[in-house]
Amino acid sequence: KVTRLNDEICESKITAATKDEEINDLKRKISSHVEQEARLGAQITTLRERVLELEALSRETEEMQIRYEISLANAKKDVVSKEETLEGLNSGLEAENNKLNKSGSKMNN
């Protein structure tokens, strides 16, 4: 009976040691998962911050594009206005030139 009890005690100790190893292994895995979760949380935070930065840059780019388009439209209007002014001046010069040519022809006759 004593031998049998000793065998059962030994088996219990072995089973307990095995369970302790399993528990320690699970603790290591849990610790590893917690560390990984912390790293992922930090990465997510960094990515969220980067998304906010990119959204801000996108808004700035859109605003710059709008300012550029307004500036371009104003420049085109200015060019058209100057072309019209130049055409008016050219017409005036042509009219003056024609008058001078007619005066010159009359003087030559």
Protein backbone atom coordinates (compact mmCIF):
# COMPACT_ATOMS: atom_id res chain seq x y z
CA LYS A 1 0.00 0.00 0.00
CA VAL A 2 2.82 2.41 0.86
CA THR A 3 4.45 1.80 -2.50
CA ARG A 4 1.19 2.43 -4.26
CA LEU A 5 0.70 5.64 -2.28
CA ASN A 6 4.27 6.67 -3.07
CA ASP A 7 3.63 5.98 -6.76
CA GLU A 8 0.45 8.06 -6.65
CA ILE A 9 2.28 10.87 -4.87
CA CYS A 10 5.04 10.74 -7.51
CA GLU A 11 2.47 10.78 -10.30
CA SER A 12 0.70 13.69 -8.63
CA LYS A 13 4.00 15.56 -8.33
CA ILE A 14 4.77 14.87 -12.00
CA THR A 15 1.27 15.97 -13.00
CA ALA A 16 1.62 19.09 -10.83
CA ALA A 17 5.02 19.87 -12.34
CA THR A 18 3.59 19.40 -15.84
CA LYS A 19 0.66 21.66 -14.98
CA ASP A 20 3.09 24.25 -13.56
CA GLU A 21 5.05 24.15 -16.83
CA GLU A 22 1.82 24.56 -18.81
CA ILE A 23 0.78 27.46 -16.57
CA ASN A 24 4.19 29.11 -16.98
CA ASP A 25 4.04 28.59 -20.73
CA LEU A 26 0.58 30.18 -20.84
CA LYS A 27 1.84 33.09 -18.71
CA ARG A 28 4.70 33.63 -21.18
CA LYS A 29 2.27 33.54 -24.10
CA ILE A 30 -0.07 35.99 -22.35
CA SER A 31 2.87 38.29 -21.58
CA SER A 32 4.00 38.09 -25.20
CA HIS A 33 0.47 38.88 -26.41
CA VAL A 34 0.21 41.83 -24.02
CA GLU A 35 3.54 43.18 -25.32
CA GLN A 36 2.42 42.67 -28.90
CA GLU A 37 -0.89 44.39 -28.18
CA ALA A 38 0.99 47.36 -26.68
CA ARG A 39 3.24 47.58 -29.76
CA LEU A 40 0.25 47.38 -32.07
CA GLY A 41 -1.55 50.03 -30.03
CA ALA A 42 1.45 52.35 -30.37
CA GLN A 43 1.62 51.65 -34.12
CA ILE A 44 -2.10 52.37 -34.47
CA THR A 45 -1.67 55.64 -32.60
CA THR A 46 1.23 56.59 -34.86
CA LEU A 47 -0.77 55.69 -37.96
CA ARG A 48 -3.76 57.72 -36.77
CA GLU A 49 -1.48 60.72 -36.20
CA ARG A 50 -0.03 60.25 -39.68
CA VAL A 51 -3.53 60.06 -41.19
CA LEU A 52 -4.38 63.36 -39.50
CA GLU A 53 -1.18 64.91 -40.87
CA LEU A 54 -1.96 63.63 -44.36
CA GLU A 55 -5.53 64.92 -44.16
CA ALA A 56 -4.20 68.34 -43.15
CA LEU A 57 -1.72 68.26 -46.05
CA SER A 58 -4.52 67.25 -48.39
CA ARG A 59 -6.64 70.21 -47.25
CA GLU A 60 -3.65 72.54 -47.69
CA THR A 61 -3.05 71.13 -51.16
CA GLU A 62 -6.70 71.63 -52.09
CA GLU A 63 -6.56 75.22 -50.81
CA MET A 64 -3.36 75.84 -52.77
CA GLN A 65 -5.00 74.36 -55.88
CA ILE A 66 -7.99 76.66 -55.46
CA ARG A 67 -5.70 79.70 -54.99
CA TYR A 68 -3.72 78.64 -58.06
CA GLU A 69 -6.88 78.27 -60.15
CA ILE A 70 -8.13 81.70 -59.01
CA SER A 71 -4.73 83.23 -59.76
CA LEU A 72 -4.66 81.55 -63.16
CA ALA A 73 -8.18 82.76 -63.98
CA ASN A 74 -7.22 86.31 -62.94
CA ALA A 75 -4.05 86.14 -65.04
CA LYS A 76 -6.08 84.97 -68.05
CA LYS A 77 -8.51 87.85 -67.55
CA ASP A 78 -5.57 90.25 -67.30
CA VAL A 79 -4.08 88.87 -70.53
CA VAL A 80 -7.43 89.21 -72.34
CA SER A 81 -7.81 92.76 -71.01
CA LYS A 82 -4.28 93.69 -72.13
CA GLU A 83 -4.87 92.06 -75.53
CA GLU A 84 -8.05 94.12 -75.92
CA THR A 85 -6.16 97.27 -74.92
CA LEU A 86 -3.39 96.41 -77.38
CA GLU A 87 -5.93 95.77 -80.15
CA GLY A 88 -7.52 99.14 -79.39
CA LEU A 89 -4.13 100.85 -79.53
CA ASN A 90 -3.27 99.06 -82.79
CA SER A 91 -6.59 100.13 -84.30
CA GLY A 92 -5.92 103.71 -83.20
CA LEU A 93 -2.42 103.60 -84.68
CA GLU A 94 -3.74 102.15 -87.93
CA ALA A 95 -6.33 104.92 -88.11
CA GLU A 96 -3.65 107.56 -87.48
CA ASN A 97 -1.37 105.89 -90.02
CA ASN A 98 -4.16 105.88 -92.60
CA LYS A 99 -4.80 109.59 -91.96
CA LEU A 100 -1.11 110.33 -92.34
CA ASN A 101 -0.94 108.29 -95.54
CA LYS A 102 -3.94 110.15 -96.95
CA SER A 103 -2.40 113.50 -95.96
CA GLY A 104 0.88 112.46 -97.52
CA SER A 105 -0.86 111.39 -100.74
CA LYS A 106 -2.68 114.69 -100.98
CA MET A 107 0.56 116.59 -100.44
CA ASN A 108 2.30 114.56 -103.14
CA ASN A 109 -0.51 115.34 -105.63
